[in-house]
Amino acid sequence: MVEFPEFLRIPLAEWIDTIMDWVLTNLAGFFDAIGDGVLFGLLNIEKSLLWLPWLVVVAAVGLVAWRVIGRWWAGLLLAGMLVLIGSFGYWDLAMMTLAIIIVAVIISLALGIPAGIIMARSNRVESIFKPILDAMQTMPSFVYLIPALMLFGLGKVPAVFATIIYAVPPVIRLTNSGIRQVSESVIEAARAFGSTSRQTLFEVQLPLAVPSIMVGINQTTMMALAMVVIASMIGARGLGLEVLLAINRIEIGRGFEAGLSIVLLAIIIDRITHAVASRQSVPNKR
């Protein structure tokens, strides 16, 4: 009576291992093709960011921040943060990190927004997706490294896919929430004027849900950045690797510089995406 009875044990680990063995045996070529495509896009974005002169990147960030936030000093401040990252000697690593985030966010949005739309149009689908999204958001982020590592090996590609799994739930949830919050009277008016279901979705519901979707994009981007250090454990270079190396070697100064660089990059991305989301909400308030 002291020990847990063996006959109640569920061999979940064995079942998952069997499924993964089957996937690796029968779908290896499929995942290799996906990995090659993602790696091609990632390397080209990374090369483009590293090719651009640092002054051009800093000026572009300052100008974009000024235009979307609406304050010249905000653009100057965010540009100064980018210069500070470069002054630590982490410019190239910051661009590598940014490339991973860009690719992960693009794929997350390509998967998440359609999934959110499907959820919003079917209560049954929403009831199926919700516990899955809950599990994705409560699962320890280290766990995402295991399937990504098994399917794509070491390197930047598994880091991207682990980041996608971790970062995609917010945009799915907020797309679903934004569409469902559109007033029923507005939808009924559109239908009364002869709009089809497709026209109602793309011309009424989605435009009114844009502020919520933009917040989802902001949250997905920030969660992707939060995976930087963890993704470095499976071969992703960048600022996360510097933090990991500093921890292993107990180099406090190096770790602080790399960690501060990640924080500054997060502030830059958050302020710009948050300002874009806020600007999108103004027309609807009017």
Protein backbone atom coordinates (compact mmCIF):
# COMPACT_ATOMS: atom_id res chain seq x y z
CA MET A 1 0.00 0.00 0.00
CA VAL A 2 2.99 2.33 0.35
CA GLU A 3 4.15 2.15 -3.26
CA PHE A 4 2.02 3.29 -6.16
CA PRO A 5 0.50 0.23 -7.90
CA GLU A 6 2.31 -0.75 -11.08
CA PHE A 7 -0.89 -1.71 -12.96
CA LEU A 8 -2.05 1.94 -12.82
CA ARG A 9 1.09 3.20 -14.53
CA ILE A 10 0.48 4.82 -17.94
CA PRO A 11 3.40 4.29 -20.36
CA LEU A 12 3.01 7.74 -21.92
CA ALA A 13 6.76 8.15 -22.48
CA GLU A 14 6.90 4.90 -24.46
CA TRP A 15 3.91 5.93 -26.58
CA ILE A 16 5.48 9.30 -27.40
CA ASP A 17 8.80 7.65 -28.23
CA THR A 18 7.01 5.26 -30.59
CA ILE A 19 5.24 8.13 -32.33
CA MET A 20 8.48 10.10 -32.69
CA ASP A 21 10.28 7.03 -34.09
CA TRP A 22 7.53 6.63 -36.68
CA VAL A 23 7.68 10.33 -37.58
CA LEU A 24 11.46 10.27 -37.95
CA THR A 25 11.31 7.10 -40.08
CA ASN A 26 8.50 8.13 -42.42
CA LEU A 27 8.53 11.95 -42.48
CA ALA A 28 12.24 12.76 -42.23
CA GLY A 29 12.36 14.11 -45.79
CA PHE A 30 9.38 16.39 -45.15
CA PHE A 31 10.95 17.94 -42.05
CA ASP A 32 14.32 18.22 -43.80
CA ALA A 33 12.65 20.23 -46.57
CA ILE A 34 10.95 22.53 -44.05
CA GLY A 35 14.21 22.95 -42.17
CA ASP A 36 16.13 23.80 -45.35
CA GLY A 37 13.53 26.42 -46.30
CA VAL A 38 13.56 28.05 -42.88
CA LEU A 39 17.36 28.00 -42.77
CA PHE A 40 17.56 29.62 -46.21
CA GLY A 41 15.27 32.47 -45.14
CA LEU A 42 16.98 32.86 -41.78
CA LEU A 43 20.48 33.06 -43.25
CA ASN A 44 19.41 35.61 -45.85
CA ILE A 45 17.76 37.85 -43.26
CA GLU A 46 20.80 37.50 -41.01
CA LYS A 47 23.21 38.34 -43.84
CA SER A 48 21.09 41.38 -44.78
CA LEU A 49 21.11 42.71 -41.21
CA LEU A 50 24.86 42.16 -40.89
CA TRP A 51 25.48 43.72 -44.33
CA LEU A 52 23.68 46.95 -43.48
CA PRO A 53 25.93 49.62 -41.93
CA TRP A 54 25.20 50.07 -38.25
CA LEU A 55 24.46 53.76 -38.76
CA VAL A 56 21.72 52.88 -41.26
CA VAL A 57 20.10 50.44 -38.84
CA VAL A 58 20.27 52.91 -35.94
CA ALA A 59 18.86 55.73 -38.08
CA ALA A 60 16.06 53.46 -39.37
CA VAL A 61 15.08 52.41 -35.84
CA GLY A 62 15.12 56.02 -34.64
CA LEU A 63 13.02 57.20 -37.58
CA VAL A 64 10.47 54.40 -37.26
CA ALA A 65 10.19 54.97 -33.51
CA TRP A 66 9.70 58.70 -34.02
CA ARG A 67 7.00 58.15 -36.64
CA VAL A 68 4.98 55.49 -34.79
CA ILE A 69 5.39 56.84 -31.25
CA GLY A 70 5.04 60.45 -32.35
CA ARG A 71 7.82 61.91 -30.18
CA TRP A 72 11.27 62.79 -31.49
CA TRP A 73 12.93 62.08 -28.17
CA ALA A 74 11.49 58.53 -28.16
CA GLY A 75 13.15 57.84 -31.50
CA LEU A 76 16.41 59.28 -30.21
CA LEU A 77 16.20 57.21 -27.01
CA LEU A 78 15.55 53.91 -28.79
CA ALA A 79 18.30 54.63 -31.31
CA GLY A 80 20.62 55.36 -28.38
CA MET A 81 19.75 51.97 -26.86
CA LEU A 82 20.79 50.28 -30.10
CA VAL A 83 24.07 52.22 -30.06
CA LEU A 84 24.62 51.08 -26.46
CA ILE A 85 24.26 47.43 -27.54
CA GLY A 86 26.93 48.04 -30.18
CA SER A 87 29.18 49.74 -27.64
CA PHE A 88 29.23 46.50 -25.62
CA GLY A 89 30.64 44.72 -28.69
CA TYR A 90 27.44 42.76 -29.33
CA TRP A 91 26.23 44.34 -32.58
CA ASP A 92 26.67 41.24 -34.75
CA LEU A 93 25.19 38.96 -32.08
CA ALA A 94 22.22 41.32 -31.69
CA MET A 95 21.56 41.15 -35.44
CA MET A 96 21.74 37.34 -35.32
CA THR A 97 19.25 37.33 -32.47
CA LEU A 98 17.00 39.75 -34.33
CA ALA A 99 17.08 37.51 -37.43
CA ILE A 100 15.88 34.51 -35.39
CA ILE A 101 13.11 36.61 -33.84
CA ILE A 102 11.98 37.96 -37.23
CA VAL A 103 11.73 34.49 -38.78
CA ALA A 104 10.03 32.99 -35.71
CA VAL A 105 7.49 35.82 -35.52
CA ILE A 106 6.71 35.69 -39.26
CA ILE A 107 6.02 31.95 -39.10
CA SER A 108 4.10 32.35 -35.82
CA LEU A 109 1.83 34.96 -37.41
CA ALA A 110 1.38 32.87 -40.57
CA LEU A 111 0.18 29.99 -38.38
CA GLY A 112 -1.42 31.88 -35.51
CA ILE A 113 -3.70 34.39 -37.25
CA PRO A 114 -5.46 31.77 -39.45
CA ALA A 115 -5.77 29.50 -36.39
CA GLY A 116 -7.32 32.36 -34.43
CA ILE A 117 -9.78 33.03 -37.25
CA ILE A 118 -10.80 29.36 -37.33
CA MET A 119 -11.28 29.42 -33.55
CA ALA A 120 -13.44 32.52 -33.76
CA ARG A 121 -15.73 30.97 -36.37
CA SER A 122 -16.37 27.70 -34.54
CA ASN A 123 -17.15 27.16 -30.86
CA ARG A 124 -16.24 23.49 -31.20
CA VAL A 125 -12.81 24.31 -32.59
CA GLU A 126 -12.31 26.86 -29.81
CA SER A 127 -13.15 24.24 -27.17
CA ILE A 128 -10.49 21.95 -28.72
CA PHE A 129 -7.83 24.64 -29.14
CA LYS A 130 -8.15 26.26 -25.71
CA PRO A 131 -6.74 23.38 -23.61
CA ILE A 132 -3.95 22.92 -26.17
CA LEU A 133 -3.03 26.60 -25.91
CA ASP A 134 -3.22 26.39 -22.12
CA ALA A 135 -0.80 23.47 -22.18
CA MET A 136 1.54 25.30 -24.57
CA GLN A 137 1.67 28.32 -22.28
CA THR A 138 2.11 26.39 -19.03
CA MET A 139 4.60 23.80 -20.30
CA PRO A 140 8.20 24.57 -19.21
CA SER A 141 9.91 26.22 -22.16
CA PHE A 142 12.82 23.76 -21.95
CA VAL A 143 10.46 20.97 -23.03
CA TYR A 144 10.00 22.61 -26.44
CA LEU A 145 13.65 22.00 -27.20
CA ILE A 146 13.18 18.22 -27.21
CA PRO A 147 10.85 17.77 -30.24
CA ALA A 148 12.58 20.58 -32.13
CA LEU A 149 15.94 18.94 -31.51
CA MET A 150 14.70 15.50 -32.57
CA LEU A 151 13.07 16.74 -35.77
CA PHE A 152 15.69 19.24 -36.94
CA GLY A 153 18.92 18.44 -35.07
CA LEU A 154 21.23 21.07 -33.60
CA GLY A 155 21.42 24.60 -34.94
CA LYS A 156 19.32 27.64 -35.69
CA VAL A 157 16.36 25.84 -37.26
CA PRO A 158 15.31 23.91 -34.13
CA ALA A 159 15.79 27.12 -32.15
CA VAL A 160 13.33 28.86 -34.48
CA PHE A 161 10.73 26.11 -34.14
CA ALA A 162 11.08 25.88 -30.36
CA THR A 163 10.56 29.66 -30.28
CA ILE A 164 7.47 29.35 -32.51
CA ILE A 165 5.84 26.77 -30.22
CA TYR A 166 6.45 29.01 -27.22
CA ALA A 167 5.45 32.30 -28.87
CA VAL A 168 2.46 31.47 -31.07
CA PRO A 169 -0.35 31.11 -28.41
CA PRO A 170 -0.84 34.87 -27.72
CA VAL A 171 -1.56 35.79 -31.33
CA ILE A 172 -3.99 32.86 -31.66
CA ARG A 173 -5.84 33.83 -28.49
CA LEU A 174 -6.01 37.55 -29.24
CA THR A 175 -7.06 37.05 -32.86
CA ASN A 176 -9.87 34.82 -31.65
CA SER A 177 -10.80 37.27 -28.89
CA GLY A 178 -10.70 40.30 -31.20
CA ILE A 179 -13.02 38.74 -33.78
CA ARG A 180 -15.45 37.48 -31.14
CA GLN A 181 -15.64 40.93 -29.53
CA VAL A 182 -16.96 42.54 -32.71
CA SER A 183 -20.48 43.73 -32.01
CA GLU A 184 -23.24 41.42 -33.22
CA SER A 185 -25.20 44.44 -34.44
CA VAL A 186 -22.36 45.37 -36.78
CA ILE A 187 -22.24 41.81 -38.15
CA GLU A 188 -26.02 41.73 -38.60
CA ALA A 189 -25.91 45.07 -40.42
CA ALA A 190 -23.26 43.73 -42.79
CA ARG A 191 -25.35 40.64 -43.49
CA ALA A 192 -28.44 42.79 -44.00
CA PHE A 193 -26.59 44.62 -46.79
CA GLY A 194 -25.92 41.30 -48.49
CA SER A 195 -22.40 40.54 -47.30
CA THR A 196 -21.35 36.92 -47.54
CA SER A 197 -19.70 35.17 -44.63
CA ARG A 198 -16.29 35.68 -46.27
CA GLN A 199 -16.94 39.39 -46.91
CA THR A 200 -18.15 39.88 -43.35
CA LEU A 201 -14.95 38.31 -42.04
CA PHE A 202 -12.46 40.20 -44.20
CA GLU A 203 -14.26 43.53 -44.52
CA VAL A 204 -15.90 43.89 -41.11
CA GLN A 205 -14.62 41.54 -38.41
CA LEU A 206 -10.90 41.50 -39.17
CA PRO A 207 -10.57 45.30 -39.60
CA LEU A 208 -12.36 45.84 -36.27
CA ALA A 209 -10.21 43.15 -34.64
CA VAL A 210 -6.92 44.72 -35.82
CA PRO A 211 -6.12 46.41 -32.45
CA SER A 212 -6.46 43.09 -30.63
CA ILE A 213 -4.43 41.29 -33.29
CA MET A 214 -1.69 43.92 -33.05
CA VAL A 215 -1.48 43.37 -29.29
CA GLY A 216 -1.16 39.66 -30.04
CA ILE A 217 1.70 40.39 -32.44
CA ASN A 218 3.40 42.46 -29.74
CA GLN A 219 3.05 39.67 -27.18
CA THR A 220 4.23 37.01 -29.62
CA THR A 221 7.30 39.09 -30.45
CA MET A 222 8.18 39.57 -26.79
CA MET A 223 7.73 35.88 -26.02
CA ALA A 224 9.97 35.02 -28.97
CA LEU A 225 12.64 37.26 -27.49
CA ALA A 226 12.19 35.55 -24.11
CA MET A 227 13.30 32.25 -25.71
CA VAL A 228 16.66 33.68 -26.80
CA VAL A 229 18.72 32.22 -23.94
CA ILE A 230 16.94 28.86 -23.93
CA ALA A 231 17.25 28.49 -27.71
CA SER A 232 21.01 29.00 -27.41
CA MET A 233 21.22 25.61 -25.68
CA ILE A 234 20.56 23.83 -28.98
CA GLY A 235 22.92 25.77 -31.18
CA ALA A 236 21.36 29.20 -31.79
CA ARG A 237 24.04 31.86 -31.76
CA GLY A 238 23.36 35.35 -30.61
CA LEU A 239 22.97 37.22 -27.35
CA GLY A 240 21.50 34.17 -25.65
CA LEU A 241 24.68 32.18 -26.22
CA GLU A 242 26.71 34.94 -24.56
CA VAL A 243 24.49 34.73 -21.48
CA LEU A 244 24.80 30.95 -21.44
CA LEU A 245 28.60 31.08 -21.75
CA ALA A 246 28.79 33.71 -19.00
CA ILE A 247 26.76 31.46 -16.69
CA ASN A 248 28.94 28.45 -17.43
CA ARG A 249 32.15 30.40 -16.85
CA ILE A 250 30.78 32.54 -14.01
CA GLU A 251 31.71 35.76 -15.83
CA ILE A 252 29.40 38.24 -14.13
CA GLY A 253 30.33 41.28 -16.22
CA ARG A 254 29.94 39.46 -19.51
CA GLY A 255 26.60 38.04 -18.44
CA PHE A 256 25.37 41.47 -17.32
CA GLU A 257 26.35 43.09 -20.63
CA ALA A 258 24.68 40.36 -22.70
CA GLY A 259 21.60 40.34 -20.46
CA LEU A 260 21.31 44.12 -20.60
CA SER A 261 21.61 43.96 -24.40
CA ILE A 262 18.67 41.54 -24.52
CA VAL A 263 16.66 43.85 -22.27
CA LEU A 264 17.44 46.88 -24.47
CA LEU A 265 16.49 44.95 -27.61
CA ALA A 266 13.25 43.91 -25.92
CA ILE A 267 12.45 47.52 -24.99
CA ILE A 268 13.07 48.71 -28.56
CA ILE A 269 10.84 46.01 -30.07
CA ASP A 270 8.13 46.40 -27.43
CA ARG A 271 7.88 50.18 -27.68
CA ILE A 272 7.65 50.14 -31.48
CA THR A 273 5.14 47.28 -31.74
CA HIS A 274 3.08 48.65 -28.83
CA ALA A 275 2.93 52.08 -30.49
CA VAL A 276 1.79 50.50 -33.77
CA ALA A 277 -0.94 48.61 -31.90
CA SER A 278 -2.05 51.82 -30.14
CA ARG A 279 -2.22 53.74 -33.42
CA GLN A 280 -4.37 51.00 -34.93
CA SER A 281 -6.86 51.29 -32.06
CA VAL A 282 -7.41 55.05 -32.44
CA PRO A 283 -9.61 54.95 -35.58
CA ASN A 284 -11.88 52.35 -34.00
CA LYS A 285 -12.29 54.45 -30.86
CA ARG A 286 -13.33 57.40 -32.99
